[in-house]
Amino acid sequence: MIDNSTPQFRAVRLDDLPLLFALLERIKVASIFDQLIPQRPNWVGDLSFGQVVAGWQVYILSESDHRLNHVEDGSSSARMSIRLA
């Protein structure tokens, strides 16, 4: 039986990935990169160059790690897929 006089609390972990993606979307990082750097003709995929850069920035900010060799592992654990040809 639950005692209603004692408040019960539940801790919910908020991850930083949605917050960082929303922040970068709000300041339009992807569109700025897309305007500054033209898309190459051999670029194939659902994501623009600016979106890839924004995803990389989210990883760097989230993991506090700027080394490129860990970006692939981090993106796969966050269930993101990036197709480049």
C-alpha atoms as a PDB file:
ATOM      1  CA  MET A   1       0.000   0.000   0.000  1.00  0.00           C
ATOM      2  CA  ILE A   2       1.340   3.437  -0.937  1.00  0.00           C
ATOM      3  CA  ASP A   3       1.363   6.151   1.683  1.00  0.00           C
ATOM      4  CA  ASN A   4      -0.103   9.237  -0.052  1.00  0.00           C
ATOM      5  CA  SER A   5       1.282  11.616   2.559  1.00  0.00           C
ATOM      6  CA  THR A   6       4.883  10.943   1.481  1.00  0.00           C
ATOM      7  CA  PRO A   7       5.768  12.520  -1.867  1.00  0.00           C
ATOM      8  CA  GLN A   8       7.409  10.191  -4.341  1.00  0.00           C
ATOM      9  CA  PHE A   9      10.011  11.403  -6.791  1.00  0.00           C
ATOM     10  CA  ARG A  10      11.291   9.854  -9.937  1.00  0.00           C
ATOM     11  CA  ALA A  11      14.521  10.997 -11.607  1.00  0.00           C
ATOM     12  CA  VAL A  12      14.352  11.379 -15.368  1.00  0.00           C
ATOM     13  CA  ARG A  13      17.600  11.791 -17.275  1.00  0.00           C
ATOM     14  CA  LEU A  14      17.514  14.461 -19.953  1.00  0.00           C
ATOM     15  CA  ASP A  15      20.097  13.863 -22.626  1.00  0.00           C
ATOM     16  CA  ASP A  16      22.024  16.741 -24.150  1.00  0.00           C
ATOM     17  CA  LEU A  17      21.654  15.665 -27.802  1.00  0.00           C
ATOM     18  CA  PRO A  18      18.149  17.083 -28.393  1.00  0.00           C
ATOM     19  CA  LEU A  19      19.101  20.292 -26.615  1.00  0.00           C
ATOM     20  CA  LEU A  20      22.251  20.749 -28.693  1.00  0.00           C
ATOM     21  CA  PHE A  21      20.458  19.946 -31.967  1.00  0.00           C
ATOM     22  CA  ALA A  22      17.710  22.456 -31.101  1.00  0.00           C
ATOM     23  CA  LEU A  23      20.271  25.119 -30.228  1.00  0.00           C
ATOM     24  CA  LEU A  24      22.184  24.660 -33.484  1.00  0.00           C
ATOM     25  CA  GLU A  25      18.904  24.652 -35.413  1.00  0.00           C
ATOM     26  CA  ARG A  26      17.799  27.853 -33.704  1.00  0.00           C
ATOM     27  CA  ILE A  27      20.989  29.702 -34.636  1.00  0.00           C
ATOM     28  CA  LYS A  28      20.789  28.171 -38.148  1.00  0.00           C
ATOM     29  CA  VAL A  29      24.255  26.640 -38.243  1.00  0.00           C
ATOM     30  CA  ALA A  30      23.362  24.164 -41.005  1.00  0.00           C
ATOM     31  CA  SER A  31      21.906  26.810 -43.313  1.00  0.00           C
ATOM     32  CA  ILE A  32      24.896  29.107 -42.742  1.00  0.00           C
ATOM     33  CA  PHE A  33      27.302  26.331 -43.783  1.00  0.00           C
ATOM     34  CA  ASP A  34      25.088  25.441 -46.751  1.00  0.00           C
ATOM     35  CA  GLN A  35      25.205  29.069 -47.932  1.00  0.00           C
ATOM     36  CA  LEU A  36      28.963  29.454 -47.425  1.00  0.00           C
ATOM     37  CA  ILE A  37      30.083  26.157 -48.927  1.00  0.00           C
ATOM     38  CA  PRO A  38      28.423  25.108 -52.184  1.00  0.00           C
ATOM     39  CA  GLN A  39      27.250  21.520 -52.455  1.00  0.00           C
ATOM     40  CA  ARG A  40      29.512  19.310 -54.549  1.00  0.00           C
ATOM     41  CA  PRO A  41      27.947  17.514 -57.495  1.00  0.00           C
ATOM     42  CA  ASN A  42      28.972  14.085 -56.174  1.00  0.00           C
ATOM     43  CA  TRP A  43      27.313  14.636 -52.766  1.00  0.00           C
ATOM     44  CA  VAL A  44      24.671  11.917 -52.345  1.00  0.00           C
ATOM     45  CA  GLY A  45      22.432  11.496 -49.343  1.00  0.00           C
ATOM     46  CA  ASP A  46      19.538  12.876 -47.371  1.00  0.00           C
ATOM     47  CA  LEU A  47      21.665  15.300 -45.358  1.00  0.00           C
ATOM     48  CA  SER A  48      23.212  18.516 -46.578  1.00  0.00           C
ATOM     49  CA  PHE A  49      26.794  19.459 -45.771  1.00  0.00           C
ATOM     50  CA  GLY A  50      25.519  21.911 -43.156  1.00  0.00           C
ATOM     51  CA  GLN A  51      23.497  19.188 -41.429  1.00  0.00           C
ATOM     52  CA  VAL A  52      26.561  16.924 -41.317  1.00  0.00           C
ATOM     53  CA  VAL A  53      28.608  19.763 -39.795  1.00  0.00           C
ATOM     54  CA  ALA A  54      25.854  20.413 -37.229  1.00  0.00           C
ATOM     55  CA  GLY A  55      25.811  16.704 -36.315  1.00  0.00           C
ATOM     56  CA  TRP A  56      29.574  16.726 -35.911  1.00  0.00           C
ATOM     57  CA  GLN A  57      29.376  19.820 -33.711  1.00  0.00           C
ATOM     58  CA  VAL A  58      26.733  18.137 -31.540  1.00  0.00           C
ATOM     59  CA  TYR A  59      29.050  15.158 -31.089  1.00  0.00           C
ATOM     60  CA  ILE A  60      32.007  17.388 -30.219  1.00  0.00           C
ATOM     61  CA  LEU A  61      29.997  19.387 -27.689  1.00  0.00           C
ATOM     62  CA  SER A  62      28.339  16.317 -26.183  1.00  0.00           C
ATOM     63  CA  GLU A  63      31.448  14.174 -25.840  1.00  0.00           C
ATOM     64  CA  SER A  64      34.015  16.966 -25.369  1.00  0.00           C
ATOM     65  CA  ASP A  65      36.141  15.164 -27.923  1.00  0.00           C
ATOM     66  CA  HIS A  66      37.231  16.633 -31.246  1.00  0.00           C
ATOM     67  CA  ARG A  67      39.066  13.597 -32.636  1.00  0.00           C
ATOM     68  CA  LEU A  68      37.554  12.365 -35.909  1.00  0.00           C
ATOM     69  CA  ASN A  69      38.221   8.678 -35.316  1.00  0.00           C
ATOM     70  CA  HIS A  70      35.493   8.568 -32.633  1.00  0.00           C
ATOM     71  CA  VAL A  71      32.779  10.380 -34.602  1.00  0.00           C
ATOM     72  CA  GLU A  72      31.610   7.218 -36.394  1.00  0.00           C
ATOM     73  CA  ASP A  73      31.226   5.294 -33.117  1.00  0.00           C
ATOM     74  CA  GLY A  74      29.365   8.155 -31.481  1.00  0.00           C
ATOM     75  CA  SER A  75      26.976   8.611 -34.356  1.00  0.00           C
ATOM     76  CA  SER A  76      26.107   4.925 -34.489  1.00  0.00           C
ATOM     77  CA  SER A  77      25.404   4.807 -30.762  1.00  0.00           C
ATOM     78  CA  ALA A  78      23.074   7.796 -31.113  1.00  0.00           C
ATOM     79  CA  ARG A  79      21.233   5.911 -33.909  1.00  0.00           C
ATOM     80  CA  MET A  80      22.022   8.409 -36.617  1.00  0.00           C
ATOM     81  CA  SER A  81      22.941   7.379 -40.109  1.00  0.00           C
ATOM     82  CA  ILE A  82      24.901   9.464 -42.567  1.00  0.00           C
ATOM     83  CA  ARG A  83      25.284   8.242 -46.141  1.00  0.00           C
ATOM     84  CA  LEU A  84      28.107   9.700 -48.155  1.00  0.00           C
ATOM     85  CA  ALA A  85      29.088   8.569 -51.614  1.00  0.00           C
END
